[in-house]
Protein backbone atom coordinates (compact mmCIF):
# COMPACT_ATOMS: atom_id res chain seq x y z
CA MET A 1 -8.22 8.20 20.18
CA THR A 2 -9.96 10.13 17.45
CA PHE A 3 -8.75 10.47 13.88
CA GLN A 4 -7.50 13.99 14.64
CA GLU A 5 -5.71 12.86 17.82
CA ILE A 6 -3.91 10.14 15.85
CA SER A 7 -2.92 12.69 13.21
CA THR A 8 -1.61 15.02 15.90
CA LEU A 9 0.31 12.19 17.60
CA LEU A 10 2.05 11.33 14.32
CA THR A 11 3.05 14.91 13.50
CA GLN A 12 4.19 15.69 17.04
CA THR A 13 6.23 12.48 17.30
CA LEU A 14 7.56 12.09 13.75
CA GLY A 15 7.40 15.67 12.50
CA PRO A 16 5.05 17.46 10.12
CA GLU A 17 6.46 15.58 7.11
CA ALA A 18 5.00 12.30 8.47
CA ILE A 19 1.61 13.20 6.99
CA SER A 20 1.14 14.84 3.61
CA GLY A 21 -2.62 15.36 3.97
CA GLU A 22 -5.98 13.82 4.68
CA ASP A 23 -8.56 12.16 2.44
CA ASN A 24 -11.88 12.99 4.07
CA ASN A 25 -13.81 11.50 1.13
CA ALA A 26 -12.59 8.02 2.07
CA THR A 27 -14.60 5.84 4.44
CA PRO A 28 -13.19 5.89 7.03
CA PRO A 29 -11.16 9.08 6.46
CA ALA A 30 -7.55 8.37 5.52
CA LEU A 31 -4.22 9.91 6.37
CA LEU A 32 -2.00 10.47 3.33
CA ILE A 33 1.51 9.29 4.11
CA PRO A 34 4.60 9.86 1.93
CA ALA A 35 6.12 6.55 0.81
CA SER A 36 9.38 7.46 2.53
CA ARG A 37 7.58 7.75 5.91
CA ILE A 38 5.22 4.73 5.81
CA VAL A 39 7.48 2.43 7.85
CA ALA A 40 8.05 4.99 10.63
CA VAL A 41 4.32 5.80 10.77
CA CYS A 42 3.29 2.13 10.88
CA GLN A 43 5.95 1.29 13.48
CA LEU A 44 4.73 4.08 15.75
CA LEU A 45 1.06 3.16 15.30
CA HIS A 46 1.85 -0.48 16.04
CA THR A 47 3.91 0.12 19.18
CA HIS A 48 2.50 3.29 20.75
CA GLU A 49 0.66 2.60 24.00
CA LYS A 50 -2.28 4.84 23.03
CA THR A 51 -2.86 3.35 19.58
CA TYR A 52 -1.48 -0.22 19.43
CA PHE A 53 -2.67 -1.04 15.92
CA ASP A 54 -1.99 -4.73 16.34
CA TYR A 55 -3.88 -5.94 13.27
CA LEU A 56 -3.31 -5.11 9.61
CA ALA A 57 -6.66 -6.05 8.06
CA CYS A 58 -5.71 -5.38 4.46
CA ILE A 59 -3.34 -3.71 2.04
CA THR A 60 -4.94 -2.78 -1.26
CA ALA A 61 -3.13 -1.47 -4.33
CA LEU A 62 -5.03 0.38 -7.02
CA ASP A 63 -4.44 2.21 -10.25
CA ASN A 64 -5.97 5.66 -10.66
CA GLY A 65 -5.40 5.43 -14.41
CA PRO A 66 -2.98 6.93 -16.90
CA GLU A 67 -4.80 10.29 -16.81
CA ALA A 68 -4.29 10.70 -13.05
CA GLY A 69 -0.77 9.27 -13.28
CA THR A 70 -0.84 7.73 -9.80
CA LEU A 71 -1.09 4.42 -8.00
CA GLU A 72 -2.24 4.02 -4.39
CA VAL A 73 -1.41 1.63 -1.59
CA ILE A 74 -4.14 1.63 1.06
CA TYR A 75 -3.55 0.19 4.53
CA ASN A 76 -6.50 -0.73 6.77
CA LEU A 77 -5.35 -0.93 10.38
CA CYS A 78 -7.23 -2.10 13.47
CA SER A 79 -6.44 -1.78 17.14
CA ILE A 80 -8.32 -4.63 18.75
CA PRO A 81 -7.70 -3.53 22.38
CA TYR A 82 -8.81 0.07 21.71
CA ASN A 83 -11.46 -0.73 19.09
CA LEU A 84 -9.88 1.72 16.61
CA GLN A 85 -9.76 1.62 12.83
CA LEU A 86 -7.52 3.71 10.63
CA MET A 87 -6.87 3.98 6.92
CA LEU A 88 -3.51 5.12 5.56
CA LYS A 89 -2.84 5.92 1.90
CA VAL A 90 0.45 6.14 0.05
CA ILE A 91 0.19 7.71 -3.40
CA VAL A 92 3.04 7.16 -5.86
CA ALA A 93 3.64 8.26 -9.44
CA ARG A 94 2.60 5.73 -12.04
CA ASN A 95 5.53 4.50 -14.13
CA LYS A 96 5.54 4.65 -17.90
CA PRO A 97 6.19 1.47 -19.93
CA GLY A 98 9.86 0.57 -19.78
CA GLU A 99 10.49 2.54 -16.57
CA PRO A 100 11.15 0.87 -13.21
CA LEU A 101 8.08 0.09 -11.12
CA PRO A 102 7.16 2.57 -8.39
CA GLU A 103 8.50 1.71 -4.95
CA VAL A 104 6.95 1.68 -1.48
CA PRO A 105 8.82 0.30 1.56
CA SER A 106 7.54 -3.00 2.94
CA VAL A 107 5.81 -3.16 6.34
CA SER A 108 5.96 -6.97 6.48
CA HIS A 109 8.47 -6.80 9.35
CA ILE A 110 5.81 -4.98 11.42
CA TRP A 111 2.81 -7.15 10.50
CA GLN A 112 3.48 -10.60 9.04
CA GLY A 113 0.15 -10.44 7.21
CA ALA A 114 1.55 -7.69 4.99
CA ASN A 115 3.76 -10.26 3.24
CA TRP A 116 1.11 -11.71 0.95
CA HIS A 117 -0.84 -8.44 0.60
CA GLU A 118 2.30 -6.73 -0.72
CA ARG A 119 3.03 -9.62 -3.07
CA GLU A 120 -0.50 -9.28 -4.47
CA GLY A 121 -0.01 -5.52 -4.99
CA TYR A 122 3.25 -6.25 -6.80
CA ASP A 123 1.75 -9.02 -8.91
CA LEU A 124 -1.49 -7.35 -10.00
CA VAL A 125 -0.77 -3.60 -9.91
CA GLY A 126 3.01 -3.45 -10.29
CA ILE A 127 4.26 -1.76 -7.14
CA THR A 128 7.65 -2.84 -5.81
CA PHE A 129 7.75 -3.17 -2.01
CA THR A 130 11.37 -2.53 -1.08
CA ASN A 131 12.94 -4.69 1.64
CA HIS A 132 10.21 -7.29 1.22
CA PRO A 133 11.57 -10.72 2.23
CA ASP A 134 10.18 -12.60 -0.80
CA LEU A 135 8.74 -10.24 -3.43
CA ARG A 136 7.56 -12.40 -6.30
CA ARG A 137 4.29 -13.09 -8.06
CA ILE A 138 1.68 -14.76 -5.89
CA LEU A 139 -1.32 -15.30 -8.22
CA LEU A 140 0.15 -15.32 -11.72
CA PRO A 141 2.97 -17.42 -13.18
CA ALA A 142 6.46 -15.99 -12.72
CA ASP A 143 6.84 -15.34 -16.47
CA TRP A 144 3.50 -13.51 -16.89
CA GLU A 145 3.85 -10.18 -18.68
CA GLY A 146 2.40 -7.06 -17.12
CA HIS A 147 0.14 -6.31 -14.20
CA PRO A 148 -3.53 -7.11 -14.94
CA LEU A 149 -5.16 -4.58 -12.59
CA ARG A 150 -3.51 -1.66 -14.36
CA LYS A 151 -6.15 0.32 -16.23
CA ASP A 152 -4.08 0.24 -19.45
CA TYR A 153 -3.21 -3.47 -19.20
CA GLU A 154 -3.29 -5.33 -22.48
CA ILE A 155 -3.71 -9.07 -22.14
CA GLN A 156 -1.29 -11.31 -23.95
CA PRO A 157 -3.06 -13.03 -26.85
CA GLN A 158 -1.36 -16.30 -25.91
CA TYR A 159 0.44 -17.75 -22.94
CA HIS A 160 2.58 -20.83 -23.68
CA GLY A 161 0.43 -21.63 -26.72
CA ILE A 162 -2.89 -21.21 -24.88
CA GLU A 163 -5.24 -18.49 -26.12
CA THR A 164 -6.00 -15.98 -23.36
CA THR A 165 -8.68 -13.88 -25.06
């Protein structure tokens, strides 16, 4: 299937609200998926006989900066039997200090490999993956303050009496 055929499959099966746009500047091009629809889209792509995206290669979380006001979750999917690759992007509003972290539903029940990728996105960028079976820090200590891959992150001068700068 081509990128356009996959896009058409998603909108015909799940409705036009399943895709909010396309990012043709990405390599490969990406489908923009609303956070509320990511589980349905991933479930369909994983189980549909014409796509069967059986492998989640990576989930990446990134901060577009305070000026842009958004965070992204990028999913790189592969269909080994059909030799297909697909990128999905979920863009969420960046929270202000003191506000709850932005939320994206977990896909770890579809691909087990998503478990640790989502924990990394939570730990380093500060995105909450709702319905995740064990959402906690994976690289930093549980009492670490902040999310170090945020563009406005300010490192703590000390951590348990150890200088960090």
